[in-house]
Amino acid sequence: MTDPAACDPEAIAALVRAGDIAALDRLTRCQGERLLAVGRRYCRDEQDARDAVQDALLAAGLHLADYRGEGPAEGWVARMVARACARMRRGRRNDPALHVHDTEATAPGDDPETLAGRARVAEALGEALLELSPADRAILLLAEAEGWTGPEIAAELGLSPGAVRSRLMRARQATRARLTALAAGD
């Protein structure tokens, strides 16, 4: 806002104390960047910071009568932004989807020898994949691990479907040959 009188903190505080919702509009126009900076500092993510500022302004609008006027209205809303960020972090920490780990489930009867054999196969497969070119490795992983079709891979990588089919066939053959060689070396 360009008018310095409109951004006077005492005038904004008086409007908030009077319960005038327009005070929040003035506060946002005058101190919006500062509130966003507080959100960035506490949320550490741009989108979460913007959401926290919105949540704080909504809460301030609902609780105008609770403003005691002991400090600038900007500080009152800034504390609400910080608390909104804390709520977001708590909510994320309690989100069960964030605590799911890809772990290999073992059957109750698996003995250590079987588990060690699986680990050797996984290591050999990783080595075989690393020997492929990055493009061939991407094609093989998209097809085998992600279940993509040839036309989907072609569209994603900018190749023709025929090129994807032939490169996929060669990648499978090279991987199979490498795994066979590693198995023969055991």
N, C-alpha and C. Protein backbone atom coordinates (compact mmCIF):
# COMPACT_ATOMS: atom_id res chain seq x y z
N MET A 1 0.86 -1.16 0.00
CA MET A 1 0.00 0.00 0.00
C MET A 1 0.90 1.22 0.00
N THR A 2 0.59 2.21 -0.79
CA THR A 2 1.48 3.36 -0.95
C THR A 2 1.23 4.45 0.08
N ASP A 3 0.05 4.53 0.65
CA ASP A 3 -0.28 5.59 1.60
C ASP A 3 0.29 5.23 2.97
N PRO A 4 1.33 6.00 3.43
CA PRO A 4 1.93 5.67 4.73
C PRO A 4 0.94 5.80 5.89
N ALA A 5 -0.01 6.70 5.79
CA ALA A 5 -0.98 6.87 6.87
C ALA A 5 -1.85 5.63 7.01
N ALA A 6 -2.14 4.97 5.88
CA ALA A 6 -2.97 3.77 5.91
C ALA A 6 -2.22 2.61 6.56
N CYS A 7 -0.88 2.66 6.54
CA CYS A 7 -0.07 1.59 7.10
C CYS A 7 0.41 1.89 8.51
N ASP A 8 -0.12 2.92 9.12
CA ASP A 8 0.27 3.26 10.48
C ASP A 8 -0.14 2.14 11.42
N PRO A 9 0.82 1.52 12.12
CA PRO A 9 0.50 0.39 13.00
C PRO A 9 -0.52 0.73 14.07
N GLU A 10 -0.46 1.93 14.60
CA GLU A 10 -1.41 2.32 15.65
C GLU A 10 -2.82 2.46 15.09
N ALA A 11 -2.92 2.98 13.86
CA ALA A 11 -4.24 3.10 13.24
C ALA A 11 -4.82 1.72 12.96
N ILE A 12 -3.98 0.81 12.48
CA ILE A 12 -4.46 -0.55 12.21
C ILE A 12 -4.87 -1.21 13.52
N ALA A 13 -4.06 -1.04 14.58
CA ALA A 13 -4.40 -1.63 15.88
C ALA A 13 -5.73 -1.08 16.39
N ALA A 14 -5.97 0.22 16.19
CA ALA A 14 -7.24 0.82 16.64
C ALA A 14 -8.41 0.21 15.89
N LEU A 15 -8.23 -0.01 14.57
CA LEU A 15 -9.30 -0.63 13.78
C LEU A 15 -9.56 -2.06 14.24
N VAL A 16 -8.49 -2.79 14.55
CA VAL A 16 -8.66 -4.18 15.02
C VAL A 16 -9.39 -4.18 16.35
N ARG A 17 -8.98 -3.29 17.27
CA ARG A 17 -9.66 -3.21 18.58
C ARG A 17 -11.13 -2.87 18.41
N ALA A 18 -11.45 -2.07 17.39
CA ALA A 18 -12.84 -1.68 17.14
C ALA A 18 -13.62 -2.80 16.46
N GLY A 19 -12.91 -3.88 16.06
CA GLY A 19 -13.59 -5.01 15.43
C GLY A 19 -13.84 -4.81 13.94
N ASP A 20 -13.14 -3.87 13.32
CA ASP A 20 -13.31 -3.58 11.90
C ASP A 20 -12.51 -4.59 11.07
N ILE A 21 -13.21 -5.40 10.32
CA ILE A 21 -12.56 -6.45 9.51
C ILE A 21 -11.68 -5.85 8.42
N ALA A 22 -11.94 -4.62 8.03
CA ALA A 22 -11.12 -3.95 7.01
C ALA A 22 -9.69 -3.75 7.51
N ALA A 23 -9.50 -3.79 8.82
CA ALA A 23 -8.15 -3.65 9.38
C ALA A 23 -7.26 -4.79 8.89
N LEU A 24 -7.81 -5.97 8.74
CA LEU A 24 -7.01 -7.11 8.27
C LEU A 24 -6.60 -6.92 6.82
N ASP A 25 -7.46 -6.31 6.04
CA ASP A 25 -7.10 -6.01 4.65
C ASP A 25 -5.94 -5.02 4.62
N ARG A 26 -6.04 -3.98 5.44
CA ARG A 26 -4.94 -3.00 5.49
C ARG A 26 -3.67 -3.66 6.00
N LEU A 27 -3.80 -4.48 7.02
CA LEU A 27 -2.64 -5.18 7.56
C LEU A 27 -1.99 -6.06 6.51
N THR A 28 -2.80 -6.75 5.73
CA THR A 28 -2.28 -7.63 4.68
C THR A 28 -1.58 -6.83 3.60
N ARG A 29 -2.18 -5.72 3.20
CA ARG A 29 -1.56 -4.89 2.16
C ARG A 29 -0.25 -4.25 2.64
N CYS A 30 -0.22 -3.87 3.90
CA CYS A 30 0.97 -3.18 4.43
C CYS A 30 2.04 -4.15 4.91
N GLN A 31 1.65 -5.23 5.53
CA GLN A 31 2.61 -6.13 6.17
C GLN A 31 2.57 -7.55 5.63
N GLY A 32 1.93 -7.73 4.48
CA GLY A 32 1.79 -9.07 3.92
C GLY A 32 3.12 -9.78 3.67
N GLU A 33 4.09 -9.05 3.15
CA GLU A 33 5.40 -9.66 2.89
C GLU A 33 6.09 -10.06 4.19
N ARG A 34 5.94 -9.24 5.22
CA ARG A 34 6.54 -9.60 6.51
C ARG A 34 5.87 -10.85 7.08
N LEU A 35 4.56 -10.92 6.99
CA LEU A 35 3.85 -12.10 7.47
C LEU A 35 4.27 -13.34 6.69
N LEU A 36 4.45 -13.18 5.39
CA LEU A 36 4.90 -14.29 4.56
C LEU A 36 6.33 -14.70 4.95
N ALA A 37 7.17 -13.72 5.28
CA ALA A 37 8.53 -14.03 5.72
C ALA A 37 8.52 -14.84 7.02
N VAL A 38 7.60 -14.48 7.92
CA VAL A 38 7.46 -15.25 9.17
C VAL A 38 7.04 -16.67 8.82
N GLY A 39 6.10 -16.80 7.90
CA GLY A 39 5.65 -18.13 7.48
C GLY A 39 6.78 -18.94 6.87
N ARG A 40 7.58 -18.31 6.03
CA ARG A 40 8.71 -19.02 5.42
C ARG A 40 9.70 -19.48 6.48
N ARG A 41 9.91 -18.64 7.47
CA ARG A 41 10.88 -18.97 8.51
C ARG A 41 10.41 -20.16 9.34
N TYR A 42 9.15 -20.18 9.68
CA TYR A 42 8.66 -21.24 10.55
C TYR A 42 8.21 -22.49 9.79
N CYS A 43 7.68 -22.31 8.60
CA CYS A 43 7.18 -23.47 7.83
C CYS A 43 8.27 -24.09 6.97
N ARG A 44 9.20 -23.28 6.50
CA ARG A 44 10.31 -23.71 5.65
C ARG A 44 9.85 -24.26 4.30
N ASP A 45 8.67 -23.91 3.88
CA ASP A 45 8.15 -24.30 2.58
C ASP A 45 7.25 -23.17 2.09
N GLU A 46 7.44 -22.75 0.86
CA GLU A 46 6.72 -21.59 0.33
C GLU A 46 5.20 -21.79 0.39
N GLN A 47 4.73 -22.93 -0.09
CA GLN A 47 3.28 -23.14 -0.13
C GLN A 47 2.71 -23.25 1.28
N ASP A 48 3.42 -23.93 2.18
CA ASP A 48 2.95 -24.01 3.56
C ASP A 48 2.94 -22.62 4.21
N ALA A 49 3.94 -21.81 3.88
CA ALA A 49 3.99 -20.44 4.43
C ALA A 49 2.77 -19.65 3.98
N ARG A 50 2.44 -19.75 2.70
CA ARG A 50 1.26 -19.03 2.19
C ARG A 50 -0.02 -19.54 2.87
N ASP A 51 -0.12 -20.85 3.04
CA ASP A 51 -1.28 -21.43 3.72
C ASP A 51 -1.36 -20.96 5.17
N ALA A 52 -0.21 -20.88 5.84
CA ALA A 52 -0.19 -20.44 7.23
C ALA A 52 -0.65 -18.99 7.36
N VAL A 53 -0.22 -18.14 6.43
CA VAL A 53 -0.65 -16.73 6.46
C VAL A 53 -2.17 -16.67 6.27
N GLN A 54 -2.67 -17.44 5.32
CA GLN A 54 -4.13 -17.44 5.09
C GLN A 54 -4.87 -17.93 6.34
N ASP A 55 -4.37 -19.02 6.95
CA ASP A 55 -5.00 -19.54 8.16
C ASP A 55 -4.98 -18.50 9.28
N ALA A 56 -3.84 -17.81 9.42
CA ALA A 56 -3.72 -16.80 10.48
C ALA A 56 -4.67 -15.64 10.24
N LEU A 57 -4.78 -15.18 9.01
CA LEU A 57 -5.69 -14.07 8.72
C LEU A 57 -7.14 -14.48 8.95
N LEU A 58 -7.47 -15.70 8.60
CA LEU A 58 -8.83 -16.20 8.85
C LEU A 58 -9.09 -16.25 10.35
N ALA A 59 -8.13 -16.79 11.11
CA ALA A 59 -8.29 -16.86 12.56
C ALA A 59 -8.39 -15.46 13.17
N ALA A 60 -7.58 -14.54 12.67
CA ALA A 60 -7.63 -13.16 13.18
C ALA A 60 -9.00 -12.54 12.90
N GLY A 61 -9.53 -12.81 11.71
CA GLY A 61 -10.86 -12.28 11.38
C GLY A 61 -11.94 -12.84 12.28
N LEU A 62 -11.79 -14.09 12.65
CA LEU A 62 -12.79 -14.71 13.53
C LEU A 62 -12.64 -14.27 14.98
N HIS A 63 -11.45 -13.81 15.35
CA HIS A 63 -11.19 -13.48 16.75
C HIS A 63 -10.75 -12.03 16.94
N LEU A 64 -11.29 -11.12 16.15
CA LEU A 64 -10.94 -9.71 16.30
C LEU A 64 -11.22 -9.21 17.72
N ALA A 65 -12.27 -9.70 18.30
CA ALA A 65 -12.64 -9.24 19.65
C ALA A 65 -11.62 -9.70 20.69
N ASP A 66 -10.82 -10.71 20.38
CA ASP A 66 -9.84 -11.23 21.34
C ASP A 66 -8.54 -10.43 21.36
N TYR A 67 -8.36 -9.53 20.38
CA TYR A 67 -7.14 -8.73 20.33
C TYR A 67 -7.15 -7.75 21.50
N ARG A 68 -6.13 -7.85 22.36
CA ARG A 68 -6.08 -7.02 23.57
C ARG A 68 -5.37 -5.70 23.34
N GLY A 69 -4.68 -5.56 22.24
CA GLY A 69 -4.01 -4.30 21.93
C GLY A 69 -2.74 -4.09 22.71
N GLU A 70 -2.14 -5.16 23.23
CA GLU A 70 -0.92 -5.03 24.02
C GLU A 70 0.32 -4.84 23.15
N GLY A 71 0.19 -5.02 21.87
CA GLY A 71 1.29 -4.85 20.94
C GLY A 71 0.71 -4.55 19.57
N PRO A 72 1.57 -4.43 18.58
CA PRO A 72 1.03 -4.15 17.25
C PRO A 72 0.20 -5.33 16.73
N ALA A 73 -0.80 -5.01 15.97
CA ALA A 73 -1.66 -6.05 15.39
C ALA A 73 -0.84 -6.97 14.50
N GLU A 74 0.17 -6.42 13.88
CA GLU A 74 1.05 -7.21 13.01
C GLU A 74 1.72 -8.34 13.80
N GLY A 75 2.17 -8.04 15.01
CA GLY A 75 2.79 -9.06 15.86
C GLY A 75 1.79 -10.12 16.28
N TRP A 76 0.57 -9.70 16.54
CA TRP A 76 -0.50 -10.63 16.92
C TRP A 76 -0.74 -11.63 15.79
N VAL A 77 -0.84 -11.13 14.55
CA VAL A 77 -1.07 -12.01 13.41
C VAL A 77 0.19 -12.84 13.11
N ALA A 78 1.37 -12.25 13.29
CA ALA A 78 2.62 -12.99 13.04
C ALA A 78 2.72 -14.20 13.97
N ARG A 79 2.30 -14.04 15.23
CA ARG A 79 2.28 -15.19 16.16
C ARG A 79 1.30 -16.25 15.69
N MET A 80 0.18 -15.81 15.12
CA MET A 80 -0.78 -16.78 14.58
C MET A 80 -0.18 -17.54 13.40
N VAL A 81 0.62 -16.85 12.57
CA VAL A 81 1.28 -17.51 11.45
C VAL A 81 2.24 -18.58 11.97
N ALA A 82 3.04 -18.22 12.98
CA ALA A 82 3.99 -19.18 13.55
C ALA A 82 3.26 -20.39 14.14
N ARG A 83 2.14 -20.15 14.83
CA ARG A 83 1.37 -21.27 15.39
C ARG A 83 0.76 -22.12 14.30
N ALA A 84 0.33 -21.50 13.19
CA ALA A 84 -0.22 -22.27 12.07
C ALA A 84 0.85 -23.19 11.48
N CYS A 85 2.07 -22.68 11.38
CA CYS A 85 3.18 -23.53 10.88
C CYS A 85 3.42 -24.70 11.82
N ALA A 86 3.38 -24.43 13.12
CA ALA A 86 3.59 -25.51 14.10
C ALA A 86 2.49 -26.56 13.97
N ARG A 87 1.24 -26.12 13.78
CA ARG A 87 0.14 -27.08 13.60
C ARG A 87 0.37 -27.92 12.35
N MET A 88 0.85 -27.28 11.28
CA MET A 88 1.10 -28.03 10.04
C MET A 88 2.19 -29.08 10.25
N ARG A 89 3.25 -28.71 10.96
CA ARG A 89 4.33 -29.67 11.22
C ARG A 89 3.82 -30.83 12.08
N ARG A 90 3.03 -30.52 13.11
CA ARG A 90 2.47 -31.57 13.96
C ARG A 90 1.58 -32.48 13.15
N GLY A 91 0.77 -31.88 12.29
CA GLY A 91 -0.13 -32.69 11.47
C GLY A 91 0.64 -33.60 10.54
N ARG A 92 1.74 -33.12 9.98
CA ARG A 92 2.55 -33.94 9.10
C ARG A 92 3.24 -35.05 9.88
N ARG A 93 3.70 -34.72 11.07
CA ARG A 93 4.39 -35.71 11.88
C ARG A 93 3.43 -36.84 12.25
N ASN A 94 2.16 -36.51 12.43
CA ASN A 94 1.16 -37.52 12.80
C ASN A 94 0.52 -38.19 11.59
N ASP A 95 0.93 -37.81 10.40
CA ASP A 95 0.39 -38.41 9.19
C ASP A 95 1.00 -39.79 9.00
N PRO A 96 0.20 -40.85 9.07
CA PRO A 96 0.76 -42.20 8.97
C PRO A 96 1.43 -42.47 7.62
N ALA A 97 1.03 -41.77 6.58
CA ALA A 97 1.61 -42.02 5.26
C ALA A 97 3.09 -41.63 5.22
N LEU A 98 3.51 -40.70 6.08
CA LEU A 98 4.90 -40.29 6.09
C LEU A 98 5.80 -41.29 6.80
N HIS A 99 5.20 -42.22 7.52
CA HIS A 99 6.00 -43.16 8.29
C HIS A 99 6.01 -44.56 7.69
N VAL A 100 5.50 -44.69 6.48
CA VAL A 100 5.52 -45.98 5.80
C VAL A 100 6.88 -46.13 5.15
N HIS A 101 7.54 -47.20 5.44
CA HIS A 101 8.85 -47.46 4.87
C HIS A 101 8.75 -48.68 3.97
N ASP A 102 9.44 -48.61 2.85
CA ASP A 102 9.49 -49.77 1.98
C ASP A 102 10.43 -50.78 2.61
N THR A 103 9.87 -51.80 3.18
CA THR A 103 10.68 -52.84 3.78
C THR A 103 10.33 -54.15 3.14
N GLU A 104 11.28 -55.02 3.13
CA GLU A 104 11.06 -56.33 2.56
C GLU A 104 10.46 -57.21 3.64
N ALA A 105 9.27 -57.70 3.37
CA ALA A 105 8.63 -58.58 4.32
C ALA A 105 9.18 -59.99 4.12
N THR A 106 9.45 -60.62 5.21
CA THR A 106 9.95 -61.99 5.12
C THR A 106 8.92 -62.93 5.69
N ALA A 107 8.87 -64.09 5.14
CA ALA A 107 7.95 -65.10 5.64
C ALA A 107 8.50 -65.62 6.96
N PRO A 108 7.61 -66.05 7.84
CA PRO A 108 8.07 -66.51 9.15
C PRO A 108 9.08 -67.66 9.07
N GLY A 109 9.00 -68.47 8.03
CA GLY A 109 9.87 -69.63 7.93
C GLY A 109 11.18 -69.37 7.21
N ASP A 110 11.43 -68.12 6.76
CA ASP A 110 12.66 -67.85 6.03
C ASP A 110 13.87 -67.98 6.95
N ASP A 111 14.82 -68.75 6.49
CA ASP A 111 16.03 -68.93 7.27
C ASP A 111 17.08 -67.91 6.80
N PRO A 112 18.14 -67.72 7.54
CA PRO A 112 19.15 -66.74 7.18
C PRO A 112 19.80 -67.01 5.83
N GLU A 113 19.93 -68.25 5.44
CA GLU A 113 20.54 -68.59 4.15
C GLU A 113 19.67 -68.09 3.00
N THR A 114 18.37 -68.26 3.11
CA THR A 114 17.44 -67.78 2.08
C THR A 114 17.49 -66.26 1.99
N LEU A 115 17.51 -65.61 3.13
CA LEU A 115 17.58 -64.15 3.15
C LEU A 115 18.88 -63.65 2.53
N ALA A 116 19.98 -64.33 2.82
CA ALA A 116 21.27 -63.94 2.25
C ALA A 116 21.25 -64.14 0.73
N GLY A 117 20.61 -65.20 0.26
CA GLY A 117 20.50 -65.44 -1.18
C GLY A 117 19.71 -64.34 -1.87
N ARG A 118 18.64 -63.91 -1.23
CA ARG A 118 17.85 -62.81 -1.79
C ARG A 118 18.67 -61.53 -1.87
N ALA A 119 19.45 -61.27 -0.84
CA ALA A 119 20.29 -60.07 -0.82
C ALA A 119 21.32 -60.12 -1.94
N ARG A 120 21.89 -61.31 -2.21
CA ARG A 120 22.87 -61.45 -3.30
C ARG A 120 22.21 -61.20 -4.65
N VAL A 121 21.00 -61.70 -4.82
CA VAL A 121 20.27 -61.48 -6.08
C VAL A 121 19.97 -60.00 -6.26
N ALA A 122 19.53 -59.34 -5.19
CA ALA A 122 19.24 -57.91 -5.27
C ALA A 122 20.49 -57.11 -5.62
N GLU A 123 21.61 -57.47 -5.02
CA GLU A 123 22.86 -56.78 -5.31
C GLU A 123 23.29 -57.02 -6.76
N ALA A 124 23.14 -58.25 -7.23
CA ALA A 124 23.50 -58.57 -8.61
C ALA A 124 22.61 -57.82 -9.60
N LEU A 125 21.34 -57.75 -9.28
CA LEU A 125 20.41 -57.02 -10.15
C LEU A 125 20.79 -55.54 -10.20
N GLY A 126 21.14 -54.97 -9.06
CA GLY A 126 21.57 -53.58 -9.02
C GLY A 126 22.81 -53.35 -9.88
N GLU A 127 23.77 -54.28 -9.79
CA GLU A 127 24.98 -54.16 -10.61
C GLU A 127 24.64 -54.27 -12.10
N ALA A 128 23.75 -55.21 -12.44
CA ALA A 128 23.37 -55.39 -13.84
C ALA A 128 22.67 -54.14 -14.38
N LEU A 129 21.84 -53.53 -13.57
CA LEU A 129 21.15 -52.31 -14.01
C LEU A 129 22.12 -51.15 -14.19
N LEU A 130 23.13 -51.08 -13.34
CA LEU A 130 24.10 -50.00 -13.46
C LEU A 130 24.96 -50.12 -14.71
N GLU A 131 25.06 -51.32 -15.27
CA GLU A 131 25.84 -51.50 -16.49
C GLU A 131 25.08 -51.02 -17.73
N LEU A 132 23.77 -50.84 -17.60
CA LEU A 132 22.97 -50.34 -18.73
C LEU A 132 23.17 -48.83 -18.86
N SER A 133 22.92 -48.32 -20.05
CA SER A 133 22.95 -46.87 -20.23
C SER A 133 21.79 -46.27 -19.43
N PRO A 134 21.88 -45.02 -19.03
CA PRO A 134 20.78 -44.41 -18.26
C PRO A 134 19.44 -44.49 -18.98
N ALA A 135 19.44 -44.30 -20.30
CA ALA A 135 18.18 -44.35 -21.05
C ALA A 135 17.60 -45.77 -21.05
N ASP A 136 18.48 -46.78 -21.28
CA ASP A 136 18.00 -48.16 -21.28
C ASP A 136 17.53 -48.57 -19.89
N ARG A 137 18.26 -48.13 -18.86
CA ARG A 137 17.87 -48.45 -17.49
C ARG A 137 16.50 -47.84 -17.20
N ALA A 138 16.27 -46.60 -17.64
CA ALA A 138 14.98 -45.95 -17.42
C ALA A 138 13.86 -46.72 -18.12
N ILE A 139 14.11 -47.12 -19.35
CA ILE A 139 13.10 -47.88 -20.10
C ILE A 139 12.78 -49.18 -19.39
N LEU A 140 13.82 -49.92 -18.97
CA LEU A 140 13.60 -51.21 -18.30
C LEU A 140 12.86 -51.03 -16.98
N LEU A 141 13.24 -50.04 -16.20
CA LEU A 141 12.58 -49.83 -14.92
C LEU A 141 11.13 -49.35 -15.08
N LEU A 142 10.90 -48.48 -16.07
CA LEU A 142 9.52 -48.05 -16.30
C LEU A 142 8.64 -49.22 -16.72
N ALA A 143 9.20 -50.10 -17.55
CA ALA A 143 8.41 -51.24 -18.03
C ALA A 143 8.22 -52.30 -16.94
N GLU A 144 9.31 -52.67 -16.27
CA GLU A 144 9.25 -53.81 -15.35
C GLU A 144 8.81 -53.41 -13.93
N ALA A 145 9.35 -52.32 -13.43
CA ALA A 145 9.05 -51.94 -12.04
C ALA A 145 7.77 -51.12 -11.94
N GLU A 146 7.55 -50.24 -12.92
CA GLU A 146 6.39 -49.36 -12.85
C GLU A 146 5.20 -49.87 -13.64
N GLY A 147 5.42 -50.83 -14.52
CA GLY A 147 4.32 -51.41 -15.28
C GLY A 147 3.83 -50.54 -16.43
N TRP A 148 4.67 -49.63 -16.92
CA TRP A 148 4.26 -48.78 -18.04
C TRP A 148 4.25 -49.59 -19.32
N THR A 149 3.41 -49.18 -20.25
CA THR A 149 3.36 -49.81 -21.56
C THR A 149 4.38 -49.15 -22.48
N GLY A 150 4.67 -49.83 -23.58
CA GLY A 150 5.62 -49.28 -24.56
C GLY A 150 5.22 -47.90 -25.06
N PRO A 151 3.96 -47.68 -25.47
CA PRO A 151 3.56 -46.35 -25.94
C PRO A 151 3.67 -45.28 -24.84
N GLU A 152 3.40 -45.64 -23.58
CA GLU A 152 3.53 -44.68 -22.49
C GLU A 152 5.00 -44.27 -22.31
N ILE A 153 5.88 -45.25 -22.37
CA ILE A 153 7.31 -44.97 -22.23
C ILE A 153 7.78 -44.12 -23.41
N ALA A 154 7.34 -44.47 -24.60
CA ALA A 154 7.73 -43.71 -25.79
C ALA A 154 7.30 -42.26 -25.68
N ALA A 155 6.08 -42.04 -25.23
CA ALA A 155 5.58 -40.66 -25.10
C ALA A 155 6.36 -39.90 -24.03
N GLU A 156 6.68 -40.56 -22.94
CA GLU A 156 7.40 -39.90 -21.84
C GLU A 156 8.83 -39.55 -22.23
N LEU A 157 9.50 -40.46 -22.94
CA LEU A 157 10.91 -40.26 -23.26
C LEU A 157 11.14 -39.65 -24.64
N GLY A 158 10.07 -39.43 -25.39
CA GLY A 158 10.21 -38.83 -26.72
C GLY A 158 10.81 -39.77 -27.74
N LEU A 159 10.52 -41.05 -27.64
CA LEU A 159 11.01 -42.05 -28.57
C LEU A 159 9.83 -42.64 -29.33
N SER A 160 10.15 -43.36 -30.38
CA SER A 160 9.07 -44.07 -31.09
C SER A 160 8.79 -45.37 -30.34
N PRO A 161 7.58 -45.90 -30.46
CA PRO A 161 7.27 -47.17 -29.79
C PRO A 161 8.18 -48.31 -30.25
N GLY A 162 8.55 -48.30 -31.51
CA GLY A 162 9.47 -49.34 -32.02
C GLY A 162 10.83 -49.26 -31.36
N ALA A 163 11.33 -48.03 -31.17
CA ALA A 163 12.62 -47.85 -30.51
C ALA A 163 12.55 -48.33 -29.06
N VAL A 164 11.44 -48.07 -28.41
CA VAL A 164 11.27 -48.52 -27.02
C VAL A 164 11.27 -50.04 -26.97
N ARG A 165 10.54 -50.68 -27.89
CA ARG A 165 10.49 -52.15 -27.89
C ARG A 165 11.87 -52.75 -28.09
N SER A 166 12.64 -52.24 -29.06
CA SER A 166 13.95 -52.83 -29.32
C SER A 166 14.92 -52.54 -28.18
N ARG A 167 14.88 -51.34 -27.62
CA ARG A 167 15.79 -51.03 -26.51
C ARG A 167 15.41 -51.82 -25.27
N LEU A 168 14.12 -52.03 -25.05
CA LEU A 168 13.67 -52.83 -23.92
C LEU A 168 14.14 -54.28 -24.07
N MET A 169 14.02 -54.82 -25.28
CA MET A 169 14.48 -56.19 -25.53
C MET A 169 15.98 -56.31 -25.27
N ARG A 170 16.76 -55.37 -25.78
CA ARG A 170 18.22 -55.40 -25.56
C ARG A 170 18.57 -55.25 -24.08
N ALA A 171 17.85 -54.38 -23.37
CA ALA A 171 18.12 -54.18 -21.94
C ALA A 171 17.80 -55.44 -21.16
N ARG A 172 16.70 -56.10 -21.48
CA ARG A 172 16.36 -57.36 -20.82
C ARG A 172 17.42 -58.42 -21.08
N GLN A 173 17.87 -58.53 -22.34
CA GLN A 173 18.89 -59.52 -22.68
C GLN A 173 20.19 -59.24 -21.94
N ALA A 174 20.62 -57.99 -21.90
CA ALA A 174 21.87 -57.64 -21.23
C ALA A 174 21.77 -57.92 -19.73
N THR A 175 20.63 -57.60 -19.14
CA THR A 175 20.44 -57.84 -17.71
C THR A 175 20.43 -59.34 -17.41
N ARG A 176 19.71 -60.09 -18.25
CA ARG A 176 19.66 -61.55 -18.08
C ARG A 176 21.05 -62.16 -18.20
N ALA A 177 21.83 -61.71 -19.20
CA ALA A 177 23.17 -62.25 -19.41
C ALA A 177 24.06 -61.93 -18.20
N ARG A 178 23.96 -60.71 -17.68
CA ARG A 178 24.78 -60.33 -16.53
C ARG A 178 24.40 -61.15 -15.31
N LEU A 179 23.10 -61.34 -15.08
CA LEU A 179 22.66 -62.14 -13.93
C LEU A 179 23.09 -63.60 -14.06
N THR A 180 23.02 -64.12 -15.28
CA THR A 180 23.44 -65.50 -15.52
C THR A 180 24.94 -65.64 -15.25
N ALA A 181 25.71 -64.67 -15.71
CA ALA A 181 27.17 -64.70 -15.47
C ALA A 181 27.48 -64.62 -13.99
N LEU A 182 26.76 -63.78 -13.27
CA LEU A 182 26.99 -63.67 -11.83
C LEU A 182 26.58 -64.95 -11.11
N ALA A 183 25.50 -65.56 -11.54
CA ALA A 183 25.05 -66.81 -10.92
C ALA A 183 26.05 -67.94 -11.19
N ALA A 184 26.65 -67.96 -12.38
CA ALA A 184 27.62 -68.99 -12.70
C ALA A 184 28.89 -68.81 -11.88
N GLY A 185 29.19 -67.59 -11.50
CA GLY A 185 30.39 -67.30 -10.70
C GLY A 185 30.23 -67.71 -9.25
N ASP A 186 29.03 -67.97 -8.79
CA ASP A 186 28.80 -68.37 -7.38
C ASP A 186 29.25 -69.75 -7.10
